[in-house]
Structure formats: structure tokens, C-alpha cells
Amino acid sequence: MFRRTFWFTTGVAAGVWATTKVNRKLKQLTPESLAATAANKALETGARLRDAAVGFALDVRDNMAQRESELEQALGIHESPGLPPARRYTAIENHRTENDRSTLKYIENTTYSYNRNEDH
């Protein structure tokens, strides 16, 4: 009697374990799960590539600064001139004369209809 109970319990436990294992594998193979896994892998790969690119850019910048200092020492330049100051351009230049002011007063006193539907 004890043997039958033992083997019955062992069989039930093995069945539950196998069913759980199969259900987990089936859930992993659904299209949604596969898409989520692929998206996660793509994000991880993108993050690794971005970190590598940032590291590379920092290395290049450091080596560039080192090479510039070596060239400055070789050429006897102690101060780098730097960039020239930024130029500022006006979008619209104001070239009004006295005649323009009188025309402007005339335009200000004139009323116009700005109804968009008039043209159509």
C-alpha cells in the first residue's frame, strides 16, 4: 500500500512538473512573447552600440586634444586663437525715411477687411 501511494504521488508530481514546463515553453513561443523578446534584444543592442559610440567619441576627442597640444608645442604656439565671435544678423533692416513715416500713418488709418472667406 505504501509503495502504491509513493509511486502515485511521484507520478502526480512528475505530471505537474512536465505540464508546467510545457506551458511555460508554449507561452514563450507565442507571437507576442517572441515580439517582446526581439524588441528587448534590439533595445539592449542599441544601448550597447550607443555606449560604444559615446566611448569612441570621447576617445577621439581626448586624442584630438592631445595631438593639438603636441602640434602647438612643436610649432611654438602657446595660445590657440579660438573661434571668432559669432556674427549677429538682423532679420529685417530698418531703413525708414521721413516719407516712409507719412506713408505708414496713411496705412495705419486705412481699414481693411481681413475676412479669409472673401477670396474664395
Protein backbone atom coordinates (compact mmCIF):
# COMPACT_ATOMS: atom_id res chain seq x y z
CA MET A 1 0.00 0.00 0.00
CA PHE A 2 2.82 2.39 0.88
CA ARG A 3 4.57 1.68 -2.45
CA ARG A 4 1.45 2.44 -4.45
CA THR A 5 0.95 5.74 -2.62
CA PHE A 6 4.61 6.66 -3.15
CA TRP A 7 4.54 5.92 -6.88
CA PHE A 8 1.17 7.61 -7.33
CA THR A 9 2.48 10.79 -5.63
CA THR A 10 5.69 10.62 -7.68
CA GLY A 11 3.66 10.30 -10.90
CA VAL A 12 1.39 13.21 -9.98
CA ALA A 13 4.41 15.40 -9.13
CA ALA A 14 6.12 14.45 -12.42
CA GLY A 15 2.93 15.21 -14.35
CA VAL A 16 2.52 18.61 -12.70
CA TRP A 17 6.20 19.43 -13.33
CA ALA A 18 6.00 18.37 -17.00
CA THR A 19 2.73 20.27 -17.57
CA THR A 20 4.18 23.43 -16.02
CA LYS A 21 7.34 23.12 -18.10
CA VAL A 22 5.38 22.61 -21.34
CA ASN A 23 3.03 25.54 -20.59
CA ARG A 24 5.97 27.87 -19.93
CA LYS A 25 7.59 26.87 -23.22
CA LEU A 26 4.32 27.37 -25.12
CA LYS A 27 3.94 30.85 -23.62
CA GLN A 28 7.49 31.70 -24.70
CA LEU A 29 6.69 30.67 -28.27
CA THR A 30 3.58 32.83 -28.72
CA PRO A 31 3.93 35.63 -31.30
CA GLU A 32 3.51 38.33 -28.63
CA SER A 33 6.23 36.84 -26.46
CA LEU A 34 8.58 36.42 -29.41
CA ALA A 35 7.96 40.04 -30.47
CA ALA A 36 8.60 41.30 -26.94
CA THR A 37 11.80 39.27 -26.70
CA ALA A 38 13.01 40.58 -30.05
CA ALA A 39 12.21 44.16 -29.02
CA ASN A 40 14.09 43.76 -25.74
CA LYS A 41 17.11 42.32 -27.54
CA ALA A 42 17.03 45.20 -30.05
CA LEU A 43 16.89 47.77 -27.22
CA GLU A 44 19.79 46.11 -25.43
CA THR A 45 21.83 46.03 -28.64
CA GLY A 46 21.03 49.68 -29.34
CA ALA A 47 22.10 50.67 -25.83
CA ARG A 48 25.37 48.76 -26.21
CA LEU A 49 26.06 50.39 -29.57
CA ARG A 50 25.26 53.84 -28.21
CA ASP A 51 27.59 53.32 -25.25
CA ALA A 52 30.33 52.12 -27.59
CA ALA A 53 29.83 55.12 -29.88
CA VAL A 54 29.94 57.55 -26.96
CA GLY A 55 33.10 55.90 -25.66
CA PHE A 56 34.66 56.08 -29.11
CA ALA A 57 33.73 59.76 -29.47
CA LEU A 58 35.26 60.56 -26.09
CA ASP A 59 38.45 58.71 -27.01
CA VAL A 60 38.67 60.58 -30.29
CA ARG A 61 38.14 63.91 -28.52
CA ASP A 62 40.84 63.14 -25.94
CA ASN A 63 43.31 62.05 -28.61
CA MET A 64 42.49 65.11 -30.70
CA ALA A 65 43.18 67.44 -27.76
CA GLN A 66 46.43 65.62 -27.05
CA ARG A 67 47.53 65.87 -30.69
CA GLU A 68 46.63 69.57 -30.82
CA SER A 69 48.76 70.25 -27.76
CA GLU A 70 51.65 68.31 -29.33
CA LEU A 71 51.33 70.36 -32.53
CA GLU A 72 51.12 73.62 -30.57
CA GLN A 73 54.32 72.72 -28.72
CA ALA A 74 56.07 71.70 -31.95
CA LEU A 75 55.06 74.93 -33.70
CA GLY A 76 55.71 77.15 -30.70
CA ILE A 77 52.13 78.30 -30.36
CA HIS A 78 51.31 78.88 -26.71
CA GLU A 79 47.76 80.14 -27.03
CA SER A 80 45.19 78.99 -29.51
CA PRO A 81 43.35 81.89 -31.13
CA GLY A 82 39.97 80.31 -30.58
CA LEU A 83 36.90 80.94 -32.63
CA PRO A 84 35.97 84.40 -33.86
CA PRO A 85 32.97 85.97 -32.15
CA ALA A 86 29.63 84.97 -33.55
CA ARG A 87 28.08 87.40 -36.01
CA ARG A 88 24.58 88.63 -35.46
CA TYR A 89 22.45 89.42 -38.43
CA THR A 90 19.22 91.35 -38.28
CA ALA A 91 16.32 89.66 -39.96
CA ILE A 92 14.84 92.93 -41.26
CA GLU A 93 16.84 96.11 -41.54
CA ASN A 94 15.11 99.36 -40.70
CA HIS A 95 15.77 101.93 -43.47
CA ARG A 96 12.81 104.27 -42.98
CA THR A 97 12.87 107.85 -44.07
CA GLU A 98 10.52 110.76 -43.41
CA ASN A 99 8.43 109.90 -46.49
CA ASP A 100 8.01 106.34 -45.28
CA ARG A 101 6.64 107.59 -41.96
CA SER A 102 3.92 109.60 -43.66
CA THR A 103 3.00 106.59 -45.80
CA LEU A 104 2.94 104.45 -42.67
CA LYS A 105 0.47 106.86 -40.99
CA TYR A 106 -1.74 106.64 -44.07
CA ILE A 107 -1.68 102.85 -43.98
CA GLU A 108 -2.44 102.79 -40.25
CA ASN A 109 -5.54 104.96 -40.73
CA THR A 110 -6.89 102.79 -43.56
CA THR A 111 -9.20 99.95 -42.58
CA TYR A 112 -9.05 96.62 -44.34
CA SER A 113 -11.31 93.64 -44.12
CA TYR A 114 -9.33 90.55 -43.18
CA ASN A 115 -12.06 88.02 -43.76
CA ARG A 116 -10.43 84.88 -45.12
CA ASN A 117 -13.62 83.76 -46.83
CA GLU A 118 -13.76 86.77 -49.14
CA ASP A 119 -11.16 85.43 -51.52
CA HIS A 120 -12.86 82.09 -52.05
